Amino acid sequence: MKVQKFLTEANKQQVMRLLGWTIDQYAEYQESKGLEYIRKLIAADDWSVNNVAKAPLFWRWWVNHWNARDTEFIGWATGYKNRPFLLRQYESLNDVDGFEFWPHRVIMEQSYAYMIGDLNRQAVEAGV
């Protein structure tokens, strides 16, 4: 597990260097794509998307898939100097419309548990 975390961090640093990004830019892009993916996956309202996004398992799963794409990007991008070109390629690689993978059942179950908890909390607050 520690080796995987080290590799993920090394890949992130390499991508940031190639694109000229800060850690905040990288994290914001990764998160925005995760939320975009959830919207596409469940085709639901913001409330549902936000509840799926509360699941830590989803984000661990997302980072694992993200790291695989970062590895692919680094494999062919190293040596290129044209940042606008590299950015277009990175955006293309992370276009969620092209993704053909889905979260494992346990991830979605954890997400639904957050939704049910939120619904119960809202019902108690409303006095239902």
N, C-alpha and C. Protein backbone atom coordinates (compact mmCIF):
# COMPACT_ATOMS: atom_id res chain seq x y z
N MET A 1 0.83 -1.20 0.00
CA MET A 1 0.00 0.00 0.00
C MET A 1 0.87 1.26 0.00
N LYS A 2 1.94 1.26 0.79
CA LYS A 2 2.82 2.42 0.83
C LYS A 2 3.49 2.66 -0.52
N VAL A 3 3.82 1.58 -1.21
CA VAL A 3 4.44 1.71 -2.53
C VAL A 3 3.47 2.38 -3.49
N GLN A 4 2.19 1.98 -3.45
CA GLN A 4 1.18 2.57 -4.32
C GLN A 4 1.02 4.05 -4.05
N LYS A 5 1.00 4.44 -2.75
CA LYS A 5 0.88 5.86 -2.41
C LYS A 5 2.09 6.64 -2.92
N PHE A 6 3.27 6.05 -2.80
CA PHE A 6 4.49 6.70 -3.29
C PHE A 6 4.41 6.89 -4.81
N LEU A 7 4.00 5.86 -5.53
CA LEU A 7 3.89 5.95 -6.99
C LEU A 7 2.85 6.97 -7.42
N THR A 8 1.72 6.98 -6.71
CA THR A 8 0.66 7.95 -7.02
C THR A 8 1.18 9.37 -6.82
N GLU A 9 1.87 9.61 -5.72
CA GLU A 9 2.42 10.94 -5.45
C GLU A 9 3.49 11.32 -6.48
N ALA A 10 4.34 10.37 -6.84
CA ALA A 10 5.37 10.64 -7.85
C ALA A 10 4.74 10.99 -9.20
N ASN A 11 3.70 10.26 -9.57
CA ASN A 11 3.00 10.55 -10.82
C ASN A 11 2.35 11.93 -10.78
N LYS A 12 1.72 12.24 -9.66
CA LYS A 12 1.08 13.55 -9.51
C LYS A 12 2.12 14.66 -9.68
N GLN A 13 3.26 14.52 -9.04
CA GLN A 13 4.32 15.53 -9.14
C GLN A 13 4.81 15.67 -10.58
N GLN A 14 4.95 14.56 -11.27
CA GLN A 14 5.41 14.59 -12.67
C GLN A 14 4.37 15.27 -13.58
N VAL A 15 3.10 14.96 -13.38
CA VAL A 15 2.04 15.60 -14.18
C VAL A 15 2.03 17.10 -13.91
N MET A 16 2.13 17.48 -12.64
CA MET A 16 2.13 18.90 -12.29
C MET A 16 3.31 19.61 -12.96
N ARG A 17 4.45 18.97 -12.99
CA ARG A 17 5.63 19.56 -13.64
C ARG A 17 5.40 19.71 -15.14
N LEU A 18 4.87 18.66 -15.76
CA LEU A 18 4.63 18.69 -17.21
C LEU A 18 3.62 19.77 -17.60
N LEU A 19 2.60 19.96 -16.76
CA LEU A 19 1.55 20.93 -17.09
C LEU A 19 1.79 22.31 -16.49
N GLY A 20 2.77 22.42 -15.60
CA GLY A 20 3.03 23.70 -14.94
C GLY A 20 1.96 24.05 -13.92
N TRP A 21 1.37 23.04 -13.30
CA TRP A 21 0.29 23.23 -12.35
C TRP A 21 0.80 23.25 -10.92
N THR A 22 0.03 23.91 -10.05
CA THR A 22 0.25 23.83 -8.61
C THR A 22 -0.53 22.63 -8.08
N ILE A 23 -0.28 22.30 -6.83
CA ILE A 23 -1.02 21.21 -6.19
C ILE A 23 -2.52 21.53 -6.14
N ASP A 24 -2.85 22.81 -5.94
CA ASP A 24 -4.26 23.20 -5.90
C ASP A 24 -4.93 23.01 -7.25
N GLN A 25 -4.24 23.39 -8.32
CA GLN A 25 -4.80 23.22 -9.66
C GLN A 25 -5.04 21.74 -9.96
N TYR A 26 -4.07 20.92 -9.61
CA TYR A 26 -4.19 19.48 -9.84
C TYR A 26 -5.38 18.91 -9.06
N ALA A 27 -5.44 19.25 -7.77
CA ALA A 27 -6.50 18.71 -6.91
C ALA A 27 -7.88 19.18 -7.36
N GLU A 28 -7.99 20.45 -7.73
CA GLU A 28 -9.28 20.98 -8.18
C GLU A 28 -9.73 20.31 -9.47
N TYR A 29 -8.79 20.07 -10.38
CA TYR A 29 -9.13 19.42 -11.64
C TYR A 29 -9.57 17.97 -11.38
N GLN A 30 -8.82 17.27 -10.55
CA GLN A 30 -9.15 15.88 -10.23
C GLN A 30 -10.53 15.78 -9.57
N GLU A 31 -10.80 16.68 -8.63
CA GLU A 31 -12.09 16.68 -7.96
C GLU A 31 -13.22 17.04 -8.92
N SER A 32 -13.02 18.05 -9.74
CA SER A 32 -14.09 18.46 -10.66
C SER A 32 -14.42 17.34 -11.64
N LYS A 33 -13.41 16.60 -12.08
CA LYS A 33 -13.66 15.47 -12.98
C LYS A 33 -14.36 14.33 -12.25
N GLY A 34 -14.04 14.15 -10.96
CA GLY A 34 -14.73 13.14 -10.17
C GLY A 34 -16.20 13.45 -10.03
N LEU A 35 -16.50 14.71 -9.75
CA LEU A 35 -17.90 15.13 -9.63
C LEU A 35 -18.62 15.03 -10.97
N GLU A 36 -17.93 15.39 -12.04
CA GLU A 36 -18.51 15.26 -13.38
C GLU A 36 -18.82 13.79 -13.68
N TYR A 37 -17.91 12.91 -13.29
CA TYR A 37 -18.11 11.49 -13.51
C TYR A 37 -19.33 10.99 -12.72
N ILE A 38 -19.45 11.42 -11.47
CA ILE A 38 -20.61 11.00 -10.66
C ILE A 38 -21.90 11.47 -11.32
N ARG A 39 -21.92 12.73 -11.80
CA ARG A 39 -23.13 13.25 -12.47
C ARG A 39 -23.50 12.38 -13.66
N LYS A 40 -22.49 12.00 -14.43
CA LYS A 40 -22.74 11.16 -15.60
C LYS A 40 -23.19 9.77 -15.17
N LEU A 41 -22.57 9.23 -14.14
CA LEU A 41 -22.84 7.87 -13.68
C LEU A 41 -24.27 7.70 -13.18
N ILE A 42 -24.70 8.62 -12.32
CA ILE A 42 -26.02 8.44 -11.71
C ILE A 42 -27.10 9.32 -12.32
N ALA A 43 -26.71 10.24 -13.20
CA ALA A 43 -27.67 11.10 -13.89
C ALA A 43 -28.73 11.63 -12.93
N ALA A 44 -28.26 12.27 -11.87
CA ALA A 44 -29.18 12.73 -10.83
C ALA A 44 -28.92 14.19 -10.48
N ASP A 45 -29.67 14.67 -9.50
CA ASP A 45 -29.56 16.05 -9.07
C ASP A 45 -28.29 16.27 -8.22
N ASP A 46 -28.02 17.54 -7.90
CA ASP A 46 -26.83 17.88 -7.12
C ASP A 46 -26.83 17.24 -5.74
N TRP A 47 -28.01 17.11 -5.12
CA TRP A 47 -28.08 16.48 -3.80
C TRP A 47 -27.54 15.06 -3.86
N SER A 48 -27.97 14.30 -4.85
CA SER A 48 -27.51 12.91 -4.99
C SER A 48 -26.02 12.85 -5.29
N VAL A 49 -25.58 13.71 -6.20
CA VAL A 49 -24.15 13.75 -6.55
C VAL A 49 -23.32 14.06 -5.32
N ASN A 50 -23.74 15.04 -4.54
CA ASN A 50 -22.98 15.42 -3.34
C ASN A 50 -22.95 14.30 -2.31
N ASN A 51 -24.02 13.53 -2.21
CA ASN A 51 -24.01 12.42 -1.27
C ASN A 51 -23.12 11.28 -1.74
N VAL A 52 -23.09 11.00 -3.01
CA VAL A 52 -22.14 10.00 -3.52
C VAL A 52 -20.71 10.48 -3.26
N ALA A 53 -20.50 11.77 -3.44
CA ALA A 53 -19.16 12.35 -3.27
C ALA A 53 -18.68 12.32 -1.81
N LYS A 54 -19.59 12.08 -0.87
CA LYS A 54 -19.19 11.99 0.54
C LYS A 54 -18.50 10.68 0.86
N ALA A 55 -18.61 9.70 0.00
CA ALA A 55 -18.09 8.36 0.27
C ALA A 55 -16.57 8.30 0.08
N PRO A 56 -15.83 8.09 1.16
CA PRO A 56 -14.37 7.99 1.03
C PRO A 56 -13.92 6.87 0.08
N LEU A 57 -14.68 5.77 0.05
CA LEU A 57 -14.31 4.68 -0.86
C LEU A 57 -14.35 5.13 -2.32
N PHE A 58 -15.33 5.98 -2.65
CA PHE A 58 -15.40 6.47 -4.03
C PHE A 58 -14.11 7.20 -4.38
N TRP A 59 -13.67 8.08 -3.49
CA TRP A 59 -12.50 8.89 -3.82
C TRP A 59 -11.21 8.07 -3.88
N ARG A 60 -11.09 7.04 -3.05
CA ARG A 60 -9.92 6.16 -3.14
C ARG A 60 -9.93 5.42 -4.47
N TRP A 61 -11.11 4.94 -4.85
CA TRP A 61 -11.26 4.26 -6.13
C TRP A 61 -10.94 5.22 -7.28
N TRP A 62 -11.45 6.45 -7.20
CA TRP A 62 -11.24 7.45 -8.24
C TRP A 62 -9.76 7.77 -8.40
N VAL A 63 -9.06 7.95 -7.28
CA VAL A 63 -7.63 8.26 -7.33
C VAL A 63 -6.85 7.10 -7.95
N ASN A 64 -7.25 5.87 -7.67
CA ASN A 64 -6.57 4.72 -8.29
C ASN A 64 -6.73 4.75 -9.81
N HIS A 65 -7.93 5.00 -10.29
CA HIS A 65 -8.14 5.11 -11.74
C HIS A 65 -7.41 6.32 -12.31
N TRP A 66 -7.41 7.41 -11.55
CA TRP A 66 -6.73 8.63 -11.99
C TRP A 66 -5.24 8.36 -12.15
N ASN A 67 -4.67 7.67 -11.20
CA ASN A 67 -3.25 7.36 -11.25
C ASN A 67 -2.91 6.51 -12.48
N ALA A 68 -3.78 5.60 -12.84
CA ALA A 68 -3.54 4.80 -14.05
C ALA A 68 -3.49 5.70 -15.28
N ARG A 69 -4.38 6.68 -15.35
CA ARG A 69 -4.35 7.61 -16.48
C ARG A 69 -3.13 8.51 -16.42
N ASP A 70 -2.74 8.93 -15.21
CA ASP A 70 -1.52 9.73 -15.07
C ASP A 70 -0.30 8.95 -15.56
N THR A 71 -0.24 7.67 -15.22
CA THR A 71 0.87 6.82 -15.67
C THR A 71 0.90 6.77 -17.19
N GLU A 72 -0.25 6.60 -17.80
CA GLU A 72 -0.35 6.58 -19.27
C GLU A 72 0.11 7.91 -19.86
N PHE A 73 -0.36 9.01 -19.28
CA PHE A 73 -0.01 10.35 -19.75
C PHE A 73 1.51 10.57 -19.67
N ILE A 74 2.09 10.25 -18.55
CA ILE A 74 3.53 10.46 -18.36
C ILE A 74 4.33 9.63 -19.35
N GLY A 75 3.84 8.42 -19.63
CA GLY A 75 4.55 7.52 -20.54
C GLY A 75 4.81 8.10 -21.92
N TRP A 76 3.89 8.88 -22.42
CA TRP A 76 4.12 9.44 -23.75
C TRP A 76 4.39 10.94 -23.72
N ALA A 77 4.06 11.64 -22.63
CA ALA A 77 4.21 13.10 -22.60
C ALA A 77 5.61 13.56 -22.23
N THR A 78 6.36 12.74 -21.53
CA THR A 78 7.70 13.13 -21.10
C THR A 78 8.54 13.46 -22.33
N GLY A 79 9.13 14.61 -22.30
CA GLY A 79 9.95 15.06 -23.43
C GLY A 79 9.28 16.15 -24.24
N TYR A 80 7.96 16.24 -24.17
CA TYR A 80 7.25 17.32 -24.85
C TYR A 80 7.38 18.60 -24.02
N LYS A 81 7.51 19.71 -24.70
CA LYS A 81 7.67 21.00 -24.01
C LYS A 81 6.46 21.91 -24.20
N ASN A 82 5.60 21.59 -25.14
CA ASN A 82 4.46 22.45 -25.49
C ASN A 82 3.33 22.22 -24.48
N ARG A 83 3.25 23.08 -23.46
CA ARG A 83 2.26 22.89 -22.40
C ARG A 83 0.82 22.97 -22.89
N PRO A 84 0.48 23.89 -23.80
CA PRO A 84 -0.92 23.89 -24.28
C PRO A 84 -1.29 22.56 -24.95
N PHE A 85 -0.36 21.97 -25.70
CA PHE A 85 -0.60 20.68 -26.32
C PHE A 85 -0.76 19.60 -25.25
N LEU A 86 0.12 19.61 -24.26
CA LEU A 86 0.05 18.62 -23.19
C LEU A 86 -1.26 18.76 -22.41
N LEU A 87 -1.68 19.97 -22.16
CA LEU A 87 -2.93 20.19 -21.44
C LEU A 87 -4.11 19.63 -22.22
N ARG A 88 -4.15 19.89 -23.53
CA ARG A 88 -5.24 19.33 -24.36
C ARG A 88 -5.25 17.81 -24.29
N GLN A 89 -4.07 17.21 -24.32
CA GLN A 89 -3.98 15.76 -24.28
C GLN A 89 -4.44 15.22 -22.92
N TYR A 90 -4.05 15.92 -21.86
CA TYR A 90 -4.44 15.50 -20.50
C TYR A 90 -5.95 15.63 -20.32
N GLU A 91 -6.51 16.71 -20.83
CA GLU A 91 -7.96 16.90 -20.76
C GLU A 91 -8.69 15.82 -21.56
N SER A 92 -8.15 15.47 -22.71
CA SER A 92 -8.75 14.43 -23.53
C SER A 92 -8.70 13.07 -22.82
N LEU A 93 -7.57 12.79 -22.19
CA LEU A 93 -7.41 11.53 -21.47
C LEU A 93 -8.38 11.44 -20.29
N ASN A 94 -8.73 12.57 -19.71
CA ASN A 94 -9.62 12.60 -18.54
C ASN A 94 -11.04 13.03 -18.89
N ASP A 95 -11.42 12.91 -20.14
CA ASP A 95 -12.79 13.21 -20.57
C ASP A 95 -13.70 12.07 -20.11
N VAL A 96 -14.56 12.36 -19.15
CA VAL A 96 -15.38 11.29 -18.54
C VAL A 96 -16.34 10.65 -19.53
N ASP A 97 -16.63 11.31 -20.64
CA ASP A 97 -17.52 10.70 -21.63
C ASP A 97 -16.90 9.44 -22.24
N GLY A 98 -15.58 9.33 -22.18
CA GLY A 98 -14.91 8.16 -22.74
C GLY A 98 -14.66 7.05 -21.74
N PHE A 99 -15.04 7.24 -20.49
CA PHE A 99 -14.77 6.23 -19.47
C PHE A 99 -15.74 5.07 -19.59
N GLU A 100 -15.20 3.87 -19.50
CA GLU A 100 -16.02 2.67 -19.57
C GLU A 100 -15.75 1.78 -18.36
N PHE A 101 -15.78 2.38 -17.19
CA PHE A 101 -15.61 1.64 -15.95
C PHE A 101 -16.57 2.21 -14.93
N TRP A 102 -16.94 1.39 -13.97
CA TRP A 102 -17.93 1.77 -12.98
C TRP A 102 -17.43 1.40 -11.59
N PRO A 103 -17.86 2.14 -10.57
CA PRO A 103 -17.45 1.82 -9.20
C PRO A 103 -17.96 0.44 -8.78
N HIS A 104 -17.21 -0.18 -7.90
CA HIS A 104 -17.61 -1.46 -7.35
C HIS A 104 -18.87 -1.28 -6.49
N ARG A 105 -19.57 -2.35 -6.32
CA ARG A 105 -20.84 -2.32 -5.58
C ARG A 105 -20.67 -1.75 -4.16
N VAL A 106 -19.60 -2.12 -3.47
CA VAL A 106 -19.40 -1.65 -2.11
C VAL A 106 -19.27 -0.13 -2.05
N ILE A 107 -18.71 0.45 -3.09
CA ILE A 107 -18.56 1.91 -3.15
C ILE A 107 -19.94 2.57 -3.25
N MET A 108 -20.77 2.04 -4.12
CA MET A 108 -22.10 2.60 -4.28
C MET A 108 -22.95 2.37 -3.03
N GLU A 109 -22.77 1.23 -2.37
CA GLU A 109 -23.50 0.97 -1.13
C GLU A 109 -23.12 1.98 -0.05
N GLN A 110 -21.82 2.31 0.04
CA GLN A 110 -21.40 3.32 1.01
C GLN A 110 -22.02 4.67 0.65
N SER A 111 -22.05 4.99 -0.61
CA SER A 111 -22.65 6.25 -1.06
C SER A 111 -24.13 6.31 -0.71
N TYR A 112 -24.85 5.23 -0.94
CA TYR A 112 -26.27 5.20 -0.64
C TYR A 112 -26.51 5.31 0.87
N ALA A 113 -25.60 4.77 1.66
CA ALA A 113 -25.72 4.90 3.11
C ALA A 113 -25.66 6.37 3.52
N TYR A 114 -24.81 7.14 2.86
CA TYR A 114 -24.76 8.58 3.13
C TYR A 114 -26.07 9.25 2.74
N MET A 115 -26.65 8.83 1.61
CA MET A 115 -27.92 9.40 1.17
C MET A 115 -29.03 9.11 2.17
N ILE A 116 -29.11 7.87 2.62
CA ILE A 116 -30.14 7.48 3.58
C ILE A 116 -29.96 8.24 4.88
N GLY A 117 -28.72 8.37 5.33
CA GLY A 117 -28.45 9.13 6.54
C GLY A 117 -28.88 10.57 6.41
N ASP A 118 -28.63 11.16 5.25
CA ASP A 118 -29.04 12.55 5.01
C ASP A 118 -30.55 12.67 4.99
N LEU A 119 -31.23 11.73 4.35
CA LEU A 119 -32.69 11.74 4.34
C LEU A 119 -33.26 11.61 5.75
N ASN A 120 -32.69 10.72 6.54
CA ASN A 120 -33.16 10.55 7.92
C ASN A 120 -32.93 11.82 8.73
N ARG A 121 -31.79 12.45 8.58
CA ARG A 121 -31.48 13.69 9.28
C ARG A 121 -32.48 14.78 8.89
N GLN A 122 -32.78 14.88 7.61
CA GLN A 122 -33.74 15.88 7.14
C GLN A 122 -35.13 15.60 7.69
N ALA A 123 -35.51 14.35 7.78
CA ALA A 123 -36.83 13.99 8.30
C ALA A 123 -36.93 14.35 9.78
N VAL A 124 -35.88 14.09 10.56
CA VAL A 124 -35.87 14.41 11.98
C VAL A 124 -35.95 15.92 12.16
N GLU A 125 -35.17 16.67 11.36
CA GLU A 125 -35.18 18.14 11.46
C GLU A 125 -36.55 18.70 11.10
N ALA A 126 -37.24 18.05 10.16
CA ALA A 126 -38.56 18.53 9.74
C ALA A 126 -39.67 18.04 10.68
N GLY A 127 -39.31 17.15 11.59
CA GLY A 127 -40.30 16.62 12.53
C GLY A 127 -41.22 15.60 11.93
N VAL A 128 -40.75 14.92 10.89
CA VAL A 128 -41.58 13.91 10.21
C VAL A 128 -41.52 12.61 10.96
